[in-house]
N, C-alpha and C. Protein backbone atom coordinates (compact mmCIF):
# COMPACT_ATOMS: atom_id res chain seq x y z
N GLY A 1 98.84 110.48 85.95
CA GLY A 1 99.89 110.34 84.99
C GLY A 1 100.84 109.22 85.36
N TRP A 2 101.86 109.11 84.61
CA TRP A 2 102.87 108.07 84.78
C TRP A 2 104.06 108.59 85.59
N SER A 3 104.73 107.66 86.30
CA SER A 3 105.97 107.99 87.00
C SER A 3 106.91 106.80 86.93
N GLY A 4 108.16 107.03 87.27
CA GLY A 4 109.15 105.96 87.21
C GLY A 4 109.68 105.79 85.81
N ALA A 5 109.55 104.58 85.26
CA ALA A 5 110.10 104.26 83.95
C ALA A 5 109.35 104.96 82.81
N CYS A 6 108.17 105.54 83.12
CA CYS A 6 107.41 106.32 82.14
C CYS A 6 107.10 107.68 82.76
N SER A 7 106.79 108.64 81.93
CA SER A 7 106.39 109.94 82.45
C SER A 7 105.33 110.53 81.55
N GLY A 8 104.65 111.54 82.05
CA GLY A 8 103.64 112.21 81.26
C GLY A 8 102.24 111.71 81.55
N THR A 9 101.30 112.09 80.69
CA THR A 9 99.90 111.75 80.89
C THR A 9 99.27 111.07 79.68
N SER A 10 100.09 110.52 78.80
CA SER A 10 99.54 109.86 77.60
C SER A 10 98.74 108.63 78.01
N SER A 11 97.96 108.11 77.07
CA SER A 11 97.09 106.97 77.38
C SER A 11 97.82 105.64 77.42
N GLY A 12 99.08 105.61 77.05
CA GLY A 12 99.81 104.35 77.08
C GLY A 12 101.25 104.53 77.50
N CYS A 13 101.87 103.43 77.87
CA CYS A 13 103.26 103.45 78.31
C CYS A 13 103.89 102.12 77.92
N THR A 14 105.05 102.18 77.29
CA THR A 14 105.79 100.97 76.93
C THR A 14 107.12 100.99 77.65
N VAL A 15 107.45 99.91 78.33
CA VAL A 15 108.71 99.81 79.06
C VAL A 15 109.47 98.61 78.51
N VAL A 16 110.70 98.85 78.09
CA VAL A 16 111.58 97.76 77.65
C VAL A 16 112.36 97.30 78.87
N MET A 17 112.20 96.05 79.21
CA MET A 17 112.82 95.51 80.42
C MET A 17 114.23 94.98 80.12
N SER A 18 115.22 95.75 80.52
CA SER A 18 116.62 95.33 80.41
C SER A 18 117.25 95.22 81.79
N ALA A 19 116.54 95.66 82.81
CA ALA A 19 116.96 95.60 84.21
C ALA A 19 115.72 95.85 85.06
N ASP A 20 115.86 95.76 86.40
CA ASP A 20 114.74 96.06 87.28
C ASP A 20 114.30 97.51 87.07
N LYS A 21 112.99 97.71 86.93
CA LYS A 21 112.44 99.06 86.75
C LYS A 21 111.16 99.16 87.56
N SER A 22 110.84 100.37 87.94
CA SER A 22 109.56 100.59 88.63
C SER A 22 108.71 101.52 87.79
N LEU A 23 107.42 101.39 87.97
CA LEU A 23 106.47 102.16 87.19
C LEU A 23 105.30 102.48 88.09
N GLY A 24 104.83 103.71 88.03
CA GLY A 24 103.64 104.10 88.77
C GLY A 24 102.63 104.74 87.85
N ALA A 25 101.37 104.59 88.20
CA ALA A 25 100.30 105.20 87.40
C ALA A 25 99.26 105.77 88.35
N LEU A 26 98.86 107.00 88.13
CA LEU A 26 97.82 107.65 88.91
C LEU A 26 96.93 108.42 87.95
N PHE A 27 95.70 107.98 87.82
CA PHE A 27 94.75 108.62 86.93
C PHE A 27 93.46 108.88 87.69
N ASN A 28 92.79 109.94 87.37
CA ASN A 28 91.55 110.30 88.03
C ASN A 28 90.38 109.51 87.45
N LEU A 29 89.44 109.19 88.32
CA LEU A 29 88.21 108.53 87.92
C LEU A 29 87.42 109.46 87.00
N VAL A 30 86.94 108.93 85.91
CA VAL A 30 86.04 109.69 85.04
C VAL A 30 84.62 109.28 85.44
N PRO A 31 83.96 110.12 86.23
CA PRO A 31 82.64 109.71 86.73
C PRO A 31 81.60 109.67 85.63
N ARG A 32 80.88 108.59 85.60
CA ARG A 32 79.78 108.42 84.65
C ARG A 32 78.45 108.70 85.32
N ALA A 33 78.45 108.56 86.65
CA ALA A 33 77.23 108.76 87.42
C ALA A 33 77.62 109.26 88.81
N ARG A 34 76.64 109.84 89.50
CA ARG A 34 76.92 110.27 90.87
C ARG A 34 75.64 110.19 91.70
N ILE A 35 75.85 110.06 92.99
CA ILE A 35 74.78 110.13 93.98
C ILE A 35 75.20 111.24 94.93
N GLY A 36 74.50 112.35 94.89
CA GLY A 36 74.94 113.51 95.66
C GLY A 36 76.30 113.96 95.14
N ALA A 37 77.28 114.08 96.03
CA ALA A 37 78.62 114.51 95.63
C ALA A 37 79.56 113.32 95.38
N THR A 38 79.07 112.10 95.52
CA THR A 38 79.91 110.91 95.36
C THR A 38 79.84 110.42 93.92
N ALA A 39 81.00 110.37 93.27
CA ALA A 39 81.08 109.97 91.86
C ALA A 39 81.33 108.47 91.73
N TYR A 40 80.81 107.89 90.65
CA TYR A 40 80.98 106.47 90.34
C TYR A 40 81.44 106.33 88.90
N GLY A 41 82.36 105.41 88.67
CA GLY A 41 82.90 105.20 87.34
C GLY A 41 81.97 104.46 86.41
N THR A 42 81.02 103.73 86.98
CA THR A 42 80.06 102.99 86.16
C THR A 42 78.65 103.19 86.71
N LEU A 43 77.68 103.02 85.86
CA LEU A 43 76.29 103.08 86.29
C LEU A 43 75.98 101.92 87.23
N SER A 44 76.53 100.76 86.95
CA SER A 44 76.31 99.59 87.81
C SER A 44 76.80 99.82 89.23
N SER A 45 77.98 100.43 89.37
CA SER A 45 78.51 100.68 90.72
C SER A 45 77.64 101.69 91.47
N ALA A 46 77.10 102.66 90.77
CA ALA A 46 76.19 103.61 91.41
C ALA A 46 74.91 102.90 91.85
N CYS A 47 74.41 101.99 91.03
CA CYS A 47 73.19 101.25 91.39
C CYS A 47 73.41 100.35 92.60
N LEU A 48 74.61 99.83 92.76
CA LEU A 48 74.92 99.01 93.94
C LEU A 48 75.04 99.85 95.20
N ALA A 49 75.37 101.13 95.07
CA ALA A 49 75.60 102.00 96.22
C ALA A 49 74.35 102.80 96.63
N VAL A 50 73.39 102.92 95.74
CA VAL A 50 72.23 103.76 96.01
C VAL A 50 71.40 103.19 97.17
N THR A 51 70.80 104.10 97.94
CA THR A 51 69.89 103.68 99.01
C THR A 51 68.50 104.22 98.70
N ALA A 52 67.51 103.75 99.44
CA ALA A 52 66.11 104.08 99.17
C ALA A 52 65.89 105.59 99.11
N GLY A 53 65.16 106.00 98.09
CA GLY A 53 64.79 107.39 97.94
C GLY A 53 65.83 108.27 97.27
N GLN A 54 67.01 107.74 97.00
CA GLN A 54 68.06 108.55 96.39
C GLN A 54 67.89 108.63 94.88
N THR A 55 68.60 109.62 94.30
CA THR A 55 68.62 109.83 92.86
C THR A 55 70.03 109.61 92.34
N ILE A 56 70.15 108.85 91.28
CA ILE A 56 71.42 108.68 90.58
C ILE A 56 71.39 109.62 89.39
N GLU A 57 72.34 110.56 89.36
CA GLU A 57 72.47 111.48 88.23
C GLU A 57 73.49 110.88 87.27
N ILE A 58 73.13 110.84 85.98
CA ILE A 58 73.93 110.11 84.99
C ILE A 58 74.27 111.05 83.83
N LYS A 59 75.50 110.98 83.39
CA LYS A 59 75.93 111.82 82.27
C LYS A 59 75.19 111.45 80.98
N ALA A 60 75.17 112.38 80.05
CA ALA A 60 74.52 112.18 78.75
C ALA A 60 75.43 111.31 77.89
N LEU A 61 75.40 110.01 78.15
CA LEU A 61 76.23 109.03 77.46
C LEU A 61 75.35 107.87 77.03
N SER A 62 75.95 106.95 76.28
CA SER A 62 75.28 105.71 75.93
C SER A 62 75.93 104.58 76.71
N PHE A 63 75.14 103.86 77.48
CA PHE A 63 75.61 102.72 78.26
C PHE A 63 75.15 101.45 77.57
N ILE A 64 76.09 100.58 77.24
CA ILE A 64 75.78 99.33 76.55
C ILE A 64 75.77 98.21 77.58
N GLY A 65 74.69 97.46 77.60
CA GLY A 65 74.58 96.34 78.52
C GLY A 65 73.27 96.39 79.27
N ASN A 66 72.97 95.30 79.93
CA ASN A 66 71.72 95.19 80.67
C ASN A 66 71.92 95.74 82.08
N LEU A 67 70.83 96.25 82.65
CA LEU A 67 70.85 96.78 84.01
C LEU A 67 69.70 96.15 84.77
N THR A 68 70.01 95.51 85.90
CA THR A 68 69.00 94.87 86.73
C THR A 68 68.94 95.57 88.08
N LEU A 69 67.75 96.01 88.44
CA LEU A 69 67.51 96.63 89.74
C LEU A 69 66.65 95.65 90.54
N ASN A 70 67.25 95.05 91.57
CA ASN A 70 66.56 93.98 92.30
C ASN A 70 66.75 94.07 93.81
N ARG A 71 66.97 95.29 94.31
CA ARG A 71 67.23 95.44 95.74
C ARG A 71 66.03 95.96 96.52
N GLY A 72 64.86 96.04 95.89
CA GLY A 72 63.66 96.45 96.59
C GLY A 72 63.62 97.92 96.98
N LEU A 73 64.33 98.75 96.24
CA LEU A 73 64.42 100.17 96.57
C LEU A 73 63.56 101.01 95.64
N ASN A 74 63.16 102.17 96.12
CA ASN A 74 62.49 103.16 95.29
C ASN A 74 63.52 104.24 94.98
N ILE A 75 63.96 104.31 93.71
CA ILE A 75 65.03 105.24 93.33
C ILE A 75 64.65 105.98 92.05
N THR A 76 65.42 107.01 91.74
CA THR A 76 65.26 107.76 90.50
C THR A 76 66.56 107.71 89.72
N LEU A 77 66.47 107.42 88.43
CA LEU A 77 67.59 107.53 87.51
C LEU A 77 67.35 108.78 86.68
N ARG A 78 68.18 109.79 86.88
CA ARG A 78 68.02 111.07 86.18
C ARG A 78 69.19 111.23 85.22
N GLY A 79 68.92 111.22 83.93
CA GLY A 79 69.98 111.22 82.93
C GLY A 79 70.14 112.54 82.20
N GLY A 80 71.08 112.53 81.25
CA GLY A 80 71.27 113.66 80.38
C GLY A 80 72.16 114.77 80.91
N TYR A 81 72.94 114.49 81.95
CA TYR A 81 73.75 115.55 82.55
C TYR A 81 75.00 115.87 81.73
N ALA A 82 75.36 117.15 81.75
CA ALA A 82 76.60 117.63 81.14
C ALA A 82 77.78 117.08 81.92
N ASP A 83 78.99 117.19 81.36
CA ASP A 83 80.20 116.66 82.00
C ASP A 83 80.41 117.16 83.42
N ASN A 84 80.05 118.40 83.69
CA ASN A 84 80.26 118.96 85.03
C ASN A 84 79.01 118.90 85.90
N TYR A 85 78.00 118.21 85.43
CA TYR A 85 76.72 118.04 86.13
C TYR A 85 76.03 119.38 86.40
N SER A 86 76.29 120.39 85.58
CA SER A 86 75.68 121.70 85.77
C SER A 86 74.20 121.72 85.40
N GLY A 87 73.77 120.73 84.65
CA GLY A 87 72.37 120.65 84.26
C GLY A 87 72.15 119.53 83.27
N GLN A 88 70.90 119.26 83.01
CA GLN A 88 70.54 118.22 82.05
C GLN A 88 70.51 118.84 80.66
N THR A 89 71.46 118.43 79.82
CA THR A 89 71.61 119.01 78.49
C THR A 89 71.21 118.06 77.38
N GLY A 90 70.87 116.84 77.71
CA GLY A 90 70.54 115.85 76.69
C GLY A 90 69.85 114.66 77.33
N TYR A 91 70.17 113.48 76.82
CA TYR A 91 69.56 112.24 77.29
C TYR A 91 70.65 111.21 77.52
N THR A 92 70.35 110.27 78.40
CA THR A 92 71.22 109.12 78.63
C THR A 92 70.56 107.91 77.97
N GLU A 93 71.35 107.15 77.21
CA GLU A 93 70.83 105.96 76.53
C GLU A 93 71.28 104.71 77.26
N LEU A 94 70.34 103.81 77.51
CA LEU A 94 70.64 102.47 78.01
C LEU A 94 70.39 101.53 76.85
N ASP A 95 71.46 101.05 76.24
CA ASP A 95 71.37 100.17 75.09
C ASP A 95 71.42 98.73 75.59
N GLY A 96 70.27 98.27 76.07
CA GLY A 96 70.16 96.93 76.65
C GLY A 96 68.81 96.80 77.32
N VAL A 97 68.70 95.83 78.19
CA VAL A 97 67.44 95.55 78.88
C VAL A 97 67.51 96.14 80.29
N LEU A 98 66.49 96.90 80.67
CA LEU A 98 66.35 97.39 82.03
C LEU A 98 65.32 96.52 82.73
N THR A 99 65.74 95.81 83.77
CA THR A 99 64.86 94.93 84.51
C THR A 99 64.71 95.45 85.93
N VAL A 100 63.48 95.67 86.35
CA VAL A 100 63.19 96.06 87.72
C VAL A 100 62.41 94.90 88.32
N SER A 101 63.10 94.04 89.08
CA SER A 101 62.45 92.85 89.62
C SER A 101 61.89 93.08 91.02
N SER A 102 62.34 94.14 91.70
CA SER A 102 61.74 94.53 92.98
C SER A 102 62.06 95.99 93.21
N GLY A 103 61.12 96.69 93.87
CA GLY A 103 61.27 98.12 94.06
C GLY A 103 60.67 98.87 92.88
N THR A 104 60.90 100.19 92.87
CA THR A 104 60.41 101.01 91.76
C THR A 104 61.52 101.93 91.31
N VAL A 105 61.46 102.31 90.05
CA VAL A 105 62.43 103.25 89.50
C VAL A 105 61.67 104.30 88.68
N THR A 106 62.04 105.54 88.89
CA THR A 106 61.53 106.64 88.10
C THR A 106 62.62 107.06 87.12
N LEU A 107 62.30 107.13 85.84
CA LEU A 107 63.28 107.50 84.81
C LEU A 107 63.02 108.93 84.37
N ASP A 108 64.09 109.71 84.31
CA ASP A 108 64.03 111.10 83.86
C ASP A 108 65.14 111.30 82.84
N ARG A 109 64.78 111.57 81.59
CA ARG A 109 65.72 111.76 80.48
C ARG A 109 66.59 110.52 80.28
N ILE A 110 65.97 109.36 80.37
CA ILE A 110 66.62 108.07 80.10
C ILE A 110 65.89 107.45 78.91
N VAL A 111 66.65 107.02 77.92
CA VAL A 111 66.09 106.33 76.76
C VAL A 111 66.59 104.89 76.83
N VAL A 112 65.66 103.94 76.89
CA VAL A 112 66.02 102.52 76.89
C VAL A 112 65.80 102.00 75.49
N LYS A 113 66.88 101.50 74.87
CA LYS A 113 66.80 101.00 73.50
C LYS A 113 66.60 99.51 73.47
């Protein structure tokens, strides 16, 4: 939430500057993917952190953009997870190009458009 010249948890804050003011913001990461218990805000950041043999669990969302896997790793992308990762309730969409230039990837409940 907001602190200082703003308060609350709304998505925006407007401050009129008539003197020196301070403002703080603290918001929790909304994880889109995870590796084990470690959450990542983007699928790309999870792909950069994954190591050989690991599985990236991905929420049932639509990701727009291209994804390139070029680190020579054997990994699994497992999609369709509910918000709390309690199980696979749907599918994850990759709306772009998935390129695997080295290594291998296993897709589970991933739709590449």
